[in-house]
Every structure is written in C-alpha cells, then in structure tokens.
C-alpha atoms as a PDB file:
ATOM      1  CA  UNK A   1     139.094 140.735  82.948  1.00  0.00           C
ATOM      2  CA  UNK A   2     141.417 138.638  85.035  1.00  0.00           C
ATOM      3  CA  UNK A   3     139.417 139.419  88.148  1.00  0.00           C
ATOM      4  CA  UNK A   4     136.485 138.028  86.652  1.00  0.00           C
ATOM      5  CA  UNK A   5     138.106 134.759  85.806  1.00  0.00           C
ATOM      6  CA  UNK A   6     139.516 134.666  89.281  1.00  0.00           C
ATOM      7  CA  UNK A   7     136.119 135.136  90.813  1.00  0.00           C
ATOM      8  CA  UNK A   8     134.525 132.550  88.512  1.00  0.00           C
ATOM      9  CA  UNK A   9     137.396 130.152  89.301  1.00  0.00           C
ATOM     10  CA  UNK A  10     136.949 130.743  93.185  1.00  0.00           C
ATOM     11  CA  UNK A  11     133.182 130.360  92.749  1.00  0.00           C
ATOM     12  CA  UNK A  12     133.690 127.075  90.766  1.00  0.00           C
ATOM     13  CA  UNK A  13     136.160 125.792  93.391  1.00  0.00           C
ATOM     14  CA  UNK A  14     133.840 126.745  96.239  1.00  0.00           C
ATOM     15  CA  UNK A  15     130.901 124.856  94.507  1.00  0.00           C
ATOM     16  CA  UNK A  16     132.858 121.910  93.688  1.00  0.00           C
ATOM     17  CA  UNK A  17     134.167 121.609  97.281  1.00  0.00           C
ATOM     18  CA  UNK A  18     130.709 122.376  98.860  1.00  0.00           C
ATOM     19  CA  UNK A  19     128.760 119.983  96.482  1.00  0.00           C
ATOM     20  CA  UNK A  20     129.682 116.686  98.341  1.00  0.00           C
ATOM     21  CA  UNK A  21     128.704 118.354 101.442  1.00  0.00           C
ATOM     22  CA  UNK A  22     125.471 119.246 100.076  1.00  0.00           C
ATOM     23  CA  UNK A  23     124.900 115.858  98.630  1.00  0.00           C
ATOM     24  CA  UNK A  24     126.007 114.190 101.875  1.00  0.00           C
ATOM     25  CA  UNK A  25     123.563 116.269 103.877  1.00  0.00           C
ATOM     26  CA  UNK A  26     120.672 115.380 101.561  1.00  0.00           C
ATOM     27  CA  UNK A  27     121.694 111.694 101.888  1.00  0.00           C
ATOM     28  CA  UNK A  28     121.988 112.141 105.724  1.00  0.00           C
ATOM     29  CA  UNK A  29     118.406 113.802 105.747  1.00  0.00           C
ATOM     30  CA  UNK A  30     117.073 110.884 103.653  1.00  0.00           C
ATOM     31  CA  UNK A  31     118.622 108.336 106.012  1.00  0.00           C
ATOM     32  CA  UNK A  32     117.221 110.208 109.063  1.00  0.00           C
ATOM     33  CA  UNK A  33     113.918 110.388 107.567  1.00  0.00           C
ATOM     34  CA  UNK A  34     114.087 106.495 106.759  1.00  0.00           C
ATOM     35  CA  UNK A  35     115.224 105.843 110.345  1.00  0.00           C
ATOM     36  CA  UNK A  36     112.444 108.002 111.832  1.00  0.00           C
ATOM     37  CA  UNK A  37     109.897 106.137 109.702  1.00  0.00           C
ATOM     38  CA  UNK A  38     111.368 102.789 110.833  1.00  0.00           C
ATOM     39  CA  UNK A  39     111.090 103.999 114.507  1.00  0.00           C
ATOM     40  CA  UNK A  40     107.556 105.123 114.050  1.00  0.00           C
ATOM     41  CA  UNK A  41     106.564 101.864 112.383  1.00  0.00           C
ATOM     42  CA  UNK A  42     108.210  99.888 115.273  1.00  0.00           C
ATOM     43  CA  UNK A  43     106.465 102.032 117.931  1.00  0.00           C
ATOM     44  CA  UNK A  44     103.077 101.416 116.009  1.00  0.00           C
ATOM     45  CA  UNK A  45     103.769  97.753 116.021  1.00  0.00           C
ATOM     46  CA  UNK A  46     104.743  97.592 119.623  1.00  0.00           C
ATOM     47  CA  UNK A  47     101.668  99.604 120.480  1.00  0.00           C
ATOM     48  CA  UNK A  48      99.467  97.050 118.480  1.00  0.00           C
ATOM     49  CA  UNK A  49     100.912  94.034 120.254  1.00  0.00           C
ATOM     50  CA  UNK A  50     100.447  95.595 123.546  1.00  0.00           C
ATOM     51  CA  UNK A  51      96.710  96.310 122.817  1.00  0.00           C
ATOM     52  CA  UNK A  52      96.312  92.780 121.485  1.00  0.00           C
ATOM     53  CA  UNK A  53      97.942  91.401 124.617  1.00  0.00           C
ATOM     54  CA  UNK A  54      95.643  93.432 126.879  1.00  0.00           C
ATOM     55  CA  UNK A  55      92.615  92.510 124.945  1.00  0.00           C
ATOM     56  CA  UNK A  56      93.607  88.795 125.280  1.00  0.00           C
ATOM     57  CA  UNK A  57      94.205  89.050 128.882  1.00  0.00           C
ATOM     58  CA  UNK A  58      90.884  90.977 129.363  1.00  0.00           C
ATOM     59  CA  UNK A  59      88.942  88.338 127.534  1.00  0.00           C
ATOM     60  CA  UNK A  60      90.619  85.649 129.501  1.00  0.00           C
ATOM     61  CA  UNK A  61      89.584  87.393 132.768  1.00  0.00           C
ATOM     62  CA  UNK A  62      85.834  87.826 131.589  1.00  0.00           C
ATOM     63  CA  UNK A  63      85.782  84.092 130.443  1.00  0.00           C
ATOM     64  CA  UNK A  64      87.186  82.933 133.863  1.00  0.00           C
ATOM     65  CA  UNK A  65      84.882  85.329 135.767  1.00  0.00           C
ATOM     66  CA  UNK A  66      81.551  84.997 133.690  1.00  0.00           C
ATOM     67  CA  UNK A  67      82.079  82.290 131.313  1.00  0.00           C
ATOM     68  CA  UNK A  68      81.881  84.677 128.401  1.00  0.00           C
ATOM     69  CA  UNK A  69      83.921  87.682 127.176  1.00  0.00           C
ATOM     70  CA  UNK A  70      80.983  90.143 127.002  1.00  0.00           C
ATOM     71  CA  UNK A  71      79.137  91.946 129.537  1.00  0.00           C
ATOM     72  CA  UNK A  72      76.142  91.927 127.405  1.00  0.00           C
ATOM     73  CA  UNK A  73      76.123  88.227 127.326  1.00  0.00           C
ATOM     74  CA  UNK A  74      75.310  88.242 130.971  1.00  0.00           C
ATOM     75  CA  UNK A  75      72.056  90.331 130.616  1.00  0.00           C
ATOM     76  CA  UNK A  76      69.714  87.508 128.995  1.00  0.00           C
ATOM     77  CA  UNK A  77      69.070  89.780 125.908  1.00  0.00           C
ATOM     78  CA  UNK A  78      66.291  88.948 123.480  1.00  0.00           C
ATOM     79  CA  UNK A  79      67.282  88.568 119.811  1.00  0.00           C
ATOM     80  CA  UNK A  80      65.869  91.904 118.888  1.00  0.00           C
ATOM     81  CA  UNK A  81      67.882  93.647 121.708  1.00  0.00           C
ATOM     82  CA  UNK A  82      71.020  91.950 120.646  1.00  0.00           C
ATOM     83  CA  UNK A  83      70.532  93.071 116.982  1.00  0.00           C
ATOM     84  CA  UNK A  84      69.746  96.587 117.875  1.00  0.00           C
ATOM     85  CA  UNK A  85      72.712  96.713 120.319  1.00  0.00           C
ATOM     86  CA  UNK A  86      75.075  95.289 117.801  1.00  0.00           C
ATOM     87  CA  UNK A  87      73.945  97.613 115.179  1.00  0.00           C
ATOM     88  CA  UNK A  88      74.345 100.690 117.528  1.00  0.00           C
ATOM     89  CA  UNK A  89      77.829  99.511 118.651  1.00  0.00           C
ATOM     90  CA  UNK A  90      78.935  99.148 114.976  1.00  0.00           C
ATOM     91  CA  UNK A  91      77.755 102.726 114.244  1.00  0.00           C
ATOM     92  CA  UNK A  92      79.491 104.025 117.255  1.00  0.00           C
ATOM     93  CA  UNK A  93      82.643 102.274 116.500  1.00  0.00           C
ATOM     94  CA  UNK A  94      82.688 103.728 112.862  1.00  0.00           C
ATOM     95  CA  UNK A  95      81.757 107.207 114.031  1.00  0.00           C
ATOM     96  CA  UNK A  96      84.417 107.084 116.855  1.00  0.00           C
ATOM     97  CA  UNK A  97      87.209 105.767 114.493  1.00  0.00           C
ATOM     98  CA  UNK A  98      86.423 108.667 112.095  1.00  0.00           C
ATOM     99  CA  UNK A  99      86.488 111.256 114.886  1.00  0.00           C
ATOM    100  CA  UNK A 100      89.742 109.844 116.175  1.00  0.00           C
ATOM    101  CA  UNK A 101      91.131 110.080 112.740  1.00  0.00           C
ATOM    102  CA  UNK A 102      90.163 113.568 112.518  1.00  0.00           C
ATOM    103  CA  UNK A 103      91.631 114.448 115.932  1.00  0.00           C
ATOM    104  CA  UNK A 104      94.859 112.831 114.997  1.00  0.00           C
ATOM    105  CA  UNK A 105      95.106 114.788 111.927  1.00  0.00           C
ATOM    106  CA  UNK A 106      94.286 118.141 113.492  1.00  0.00           C
ATOM    107  CA  UNK A 107      96.797 117.377 116.250  1.00  0.00           C
ATOM    108  CA  UNK A 108      99.479 116.739 113.663  1.00  0.00           C
ATOM    109  CA  UNK A 109      98.529 120.046 111.971  1.00  0.00           C
ATOM    110  CA  UNK A 110      98.745 121.878 115.207  1.00  0.00           C
ATOM    111  CA  UNK A 111     102.072 120.393 115.994  1.00  0.00           C
ATOM    112  CA  UNK A 112     103.446 121.417 112.663  1.00  0.00           C
ATOM    113  CA  UNK A 113     101.979 124.823 113.070  1.00  0.00           C
ATOM    114  CA  UNK A 114     103.376 125.290 116.562  1.00  0.00           C
ATOM    115  CA  UNK A 115     106.945 124.549 115.486  1.00  0.00           C
ATOM    116  CA  UNK A 116     106.965 126.747 112.348  1.00  0.00           C
ATOM    117  CA  UNK A 117     109.431 129.603 112.313  1.00  0.00           C
ATOM    118  CA  UNK A 118     106.694 132.241 111.929  1.00  0.00           C
ATOM    119  CA  UNK A 119     103.813 131.529 114.181  1.00  0.00           C
ATOM    120  CA  UNK A 120     100.213 132.253 112.941  1.00  0.00           C
ATOM    121  CA  UNK A 121      98.174 132.709 116.126  1.00  0.00           C
ATOM    122  CA  UNK A 122      94.805 132.678 114.419  1.00  0.00           C
ATOM    123  CA  UNK A 123      95.612 129.188 112.821  1.00  0.00           C
ATOM    124  CA  UNK A 124      96.878 127.641 116.121  1.00  0.00           C
ATOM    125  CA  UNK A 125      93.580 128.992 117.869  1.00  0.00           C
ATOM    126  CA  UNK A 126      91.421 127.561 115.035  1.00  0.00           C
ATOM    127  CA  UNK A 127      93.220 124.166 115.295  1.00  0.00           C
ATOM    128  CA  UNK A 128      92.912 124.144 119.070  1.00  0.00           C
ATOM    129  CA  UNK A 129      89.191 124.854 118.815  1.00  0.00           C
ATOM    130  CA  UNK A 130      88.657 122.230 116.110  1.00  0.00           C
ATOM    131  CA  UNK A 131      90.342 119.685 118.178  1.00  0.00           C
ATOM    132  CA  UNK A 132      88.297 120.673 121.265  1.00  0.00           C
ATOM    133  CA  UNK A 133      85.169 120.494 119.136  1.00  0.00           C
ATOM    134  CA  UNK A 134      86.040 116.965 117.862  1.00  0.00           C
ATOM    135  CA  UNK A 135      86.835 115.680 121.445  1.00  0.00           C
ATOM    136  CA  UNK A 136      83.448 117.137 122.603  1.00  0.00           C
ATOM    137  CA  UNK A 137      81.732 115.263 119.640  1.00  0.00           C
ATOM    138  CA  UNK A 138      83.397 112.051 120.821  1.00  0.00           C
ATOM    139  CA  UNK A 139      82.002 112.616 124.398  1.00  0.00           C
ATOM    140  CA  UNK A 140      78.575 113.387 122.924  1.00  0.00           C
ATOM    141  CA  UNK A 141      78.667 110.205 120.788  1.00  0.00           C
ATOM    142  CA  UNK A 142      79.475 108.027 123.957  1.00  0.00           C
ATOM    143  CA  UNK A 143      76.672 109.740 125.797  1.00  0.00           C
ATOM    144  CA  UNK A 144      74.251 109.170 123.036  1.00  0.00           C
ATOM    145  CA  UNK A 145      74.940 105.473 122.658  1.00  0.00           C
ATOM    146  CA  UNK A 146      74.771 104.910 126.338  1.00  0.00           C
ATOM    147  CA  UNK A 147      71.514 106.607 126.534  1.00  0.00           C
ATOM    148  CA  UNK A 148      70.352 104.449 123.586  1.00  0.00           C
ATOM    149  CA  UNK A 149      71.498 101.313 125.484  1.00  0.00           C
ATOM    150  CA  UNK A 150      69.446 102.280 128.430  1.00  0.00           C
ATOM    151  CA  UNK A 151      66.430 102.680 126.280  1.00  0.00           C
ATOM    152  CA  UNK A 152      67.079  99.154 124.829  1.00  0.00           C
ATOM    153  CA  UNK A 153      67.708  97.416 128.222  1.00  0.00           C
ATOM    154  CA  UNK A 154      64.974  96.945 130.775  1.00  0.00           C
ATOM    155  CA  UNK A 155      65.586  97.985 134.487  1.00  0.00           C
ATOM    156  CA  UNK A 156      66.798  94.675 135.738  1.00  0.00           C
ATOM    157  CA  UNK A 157      69.230  94.193 132.676  1.00  0.00           C
ATOM    158  CA  UNK A 158      70.512  97.761 133.145  1.00  0.00           C
ATOM    159  CA  UNK A 159      71.013  97.303 136.843  1.00  0.00           C
ATOM    160  CA  UNK A 160      73.066  94.217 136.203  1.00  0.00           C
ATOM    161  CA  UNK A 161      75.036  95.839 133.317  1.00  0.00           C
ATOM    162  CA  UNK A 162      75.969  98.739 135.702  1.00  0.00           C
ATOM    163  CA  UNK A 163      77.026  96.449 138.434  1.00  0.00           C
ATOM    164  CA  UNK A 164      79.482  94.465 136.133  1.00  0.00           C
ATOM    165  CA  UNK A 165      80.612  97.506 134.551  1.00  0.00           C
ATOM    166  CA  UNK A 166      81.378  99.429 137.900  1.00  0.00           C
ATOM    167  CA  UNK A 167      82.932  96.227 139.119  1.00  0.00           C
ATOM    168  CA  UNK A 168      85.297  95.924 136.165  1.00  0.00           C
ATOM    169  CA  UNK A 169      86.265  99.639 136.531  1.00  0.00           C
ATOM    170  CA  UNK A 170      87.456  99.239 140.073  1.00  0.00           C
ATOM    171  CA  UNK A 171      91.085  98.211 138.987  1.00  0.00           C
ATOM    172  CA  UNK A 172      93.140  95.487 140.224  1.00  0.00           C
ATOM    173  CA  UNK A 173      91.666  92.161 141.484  1.00  0.00           C
ATOM    174  CA  UNK A 174      92.512  93.197 145.147  1.00  0.00           C
ATOM    175  CA  UNK A 175      90.481  96.411 144.717  1.00  0.00           C
ATOM    176  CA  UNK A 176      87.695  94.601 143.126  1.00  0.00           C
ATOM    177  CA  UNK A 177      87.616  91.914 145.899  1.00  0.00           C
ATOM    178  CA  UNK A 178      87.545  94.711 148.450  1.00  0.00           C
ATOM    179  CA  UNK A 179      84.736  96.554 146.400  1.00  0.00           C
ATOM    180  CA  UNK A 180      82.780  93.253 146.476  1.00  0.00           C
ATOM    181  CA  UNK A 181      83.258  92.799 150.137  1.00  0.00           C
ATOM    182  CA  UNK A 182      82.258  96.304 150.928  1.00  0.00           C
ATOM    183  CA  UNK A 183      79.049  95.921 148.770  1.00  0.00           C
ATOM    184  CA  UNK A 184      78.244  92.621 150.621  1.00  0.00           C
ATOM    185  CA  UNK A 185      78.489  94.377 153.917  1.00  0.00           C
ATOM    186  CA  UNK A 186      76.365  97.240 152.793  1.00  0.00           C
ATOM    187  CA  UNK A 187      73.614  94.776 151.656  1.00  0.00           C
ATOM    188  CA  UNK A 188      73.783  92.985 154.896  1.00  0.00           C
ATOM    189  CA  UNK A 189      73.385  96.279 156.702  1.00  0.00           C
ATOM    190  CA  UNK A 190      70.350  97.193 154.679  1.00  0.00           C
ATOM    191  CA  UNK A 191      68.886  93.861 155.305  1.00  0.00           C
ATOM    192  CA  UNK A 192      69.445  94.164 159.099  1.00  0.00           C
ATOM    193  CA  UNK A 193      67.866  97.756 159.068  1.00  0.00           C
ATOM    194  CA  UNK A 194      64.791  96.403 157.206  1.00  0.00           C
ATOM    195  CA  UNK A 195      64.343  93.546 159.530  1.00  0.00           C
ATOM    196  CA  UNK A 196      64.626  95.767 162.561  1.00  0.00           C
ATOM    197  CA  UNK A 197      62.187  98.281 161.262  1.00  0.00           C
ATOM    198  CA  UNK A 198      59.567  95.510 160.599  1.00  0.00           C
END
C-alpha cells in the first residue's frame, strides 16, 4: 500500500514540476507562430511594395518613351478591337489568378507532405504531377490569349506590337539602345542591298 502512495506522490510531483515546462513550451510555440505570421505578413508587404515600385517605374518609362503606359495604345486600335482585347485581358487575368492560387495551394501541400515524418511517395508524385499540369495550363492560357490577340490585330498592328514588346524585353536601357542601333544598321544594309540589286 505504501508503495502505491509513494508512486502516486512521485507521479504527482513529476506532473507538477513538468506542467510549467509544458505550459511554457505551449506558450513558446504560440509566440513562435505569431512571430512567424508577423514575418510572413512583413514579407508579403515588402513584396507588394516592391511590385508597386516596379510597376510605377515601368509606367514612368513607358510614359517617357511613348507618351502612354500601354503598348496597345501605340497601335491605333479601333473601338471594337479595344473592347475585345480588354475583355480577353480580363478573362486571362482572372483565369491566371485562379491557376496561380491553385499552384500555390498545391505547392504548400507538397511542402507539408515532403516534411512529414512518414513519407507517402504516391501522394508526393500526385502533387508534383498536379503542379506540373497547372503550370502547363498557365502556359496554354498565355499561348491561347496571344493567338487571340494576333487574330484581333491586323498585320501592321501586330508587327508594331511585336517590335515594341521585343524592345522592352531586351533589358537595360543600354542594351535597348544597342539593340536599336543594331536594328538600324540592319535596315540600312537591307536598303543598300536592295538599291544595288536594282
């Protein structure tokens, strides 16, 4: 009988002495979670500010170069073309936002699955395949809307659109200037070749 009392007392003492540690570790986990959430929120805000700053600088460059912020505004579009393109852009944006959201969710699921103590290879393979399929869908979506844009624009408009877009993708202003100079030289050489043939 005394042994049981002693065992119970030892158990009670152990529980009593361990309970502050348990409570402290739970409080610590809660604080760590709050700290992580604050860091995540701060990272999101920083990324948003950087994106807004980039968009602002991009619009300023376009305004300085072309007097407008849109490539399409340089193409002398008809009202019908503007409406159709605007509608298509809106649809593409909505579909792309949804695909991006699904990709982020699947990537989060994959991340959680990879770091589980017991791995499930089939689930990991399924998630990887689903992410790949969603990214492929994004590429198909982009191609679909570019092809639709090509149908809407006439040949001259599309040629100008492509020139502006290619020029913008070159990179730094120095690289753009070099690309412009190279194109000018190529055009002069073509003109020279044509005149010599005639």
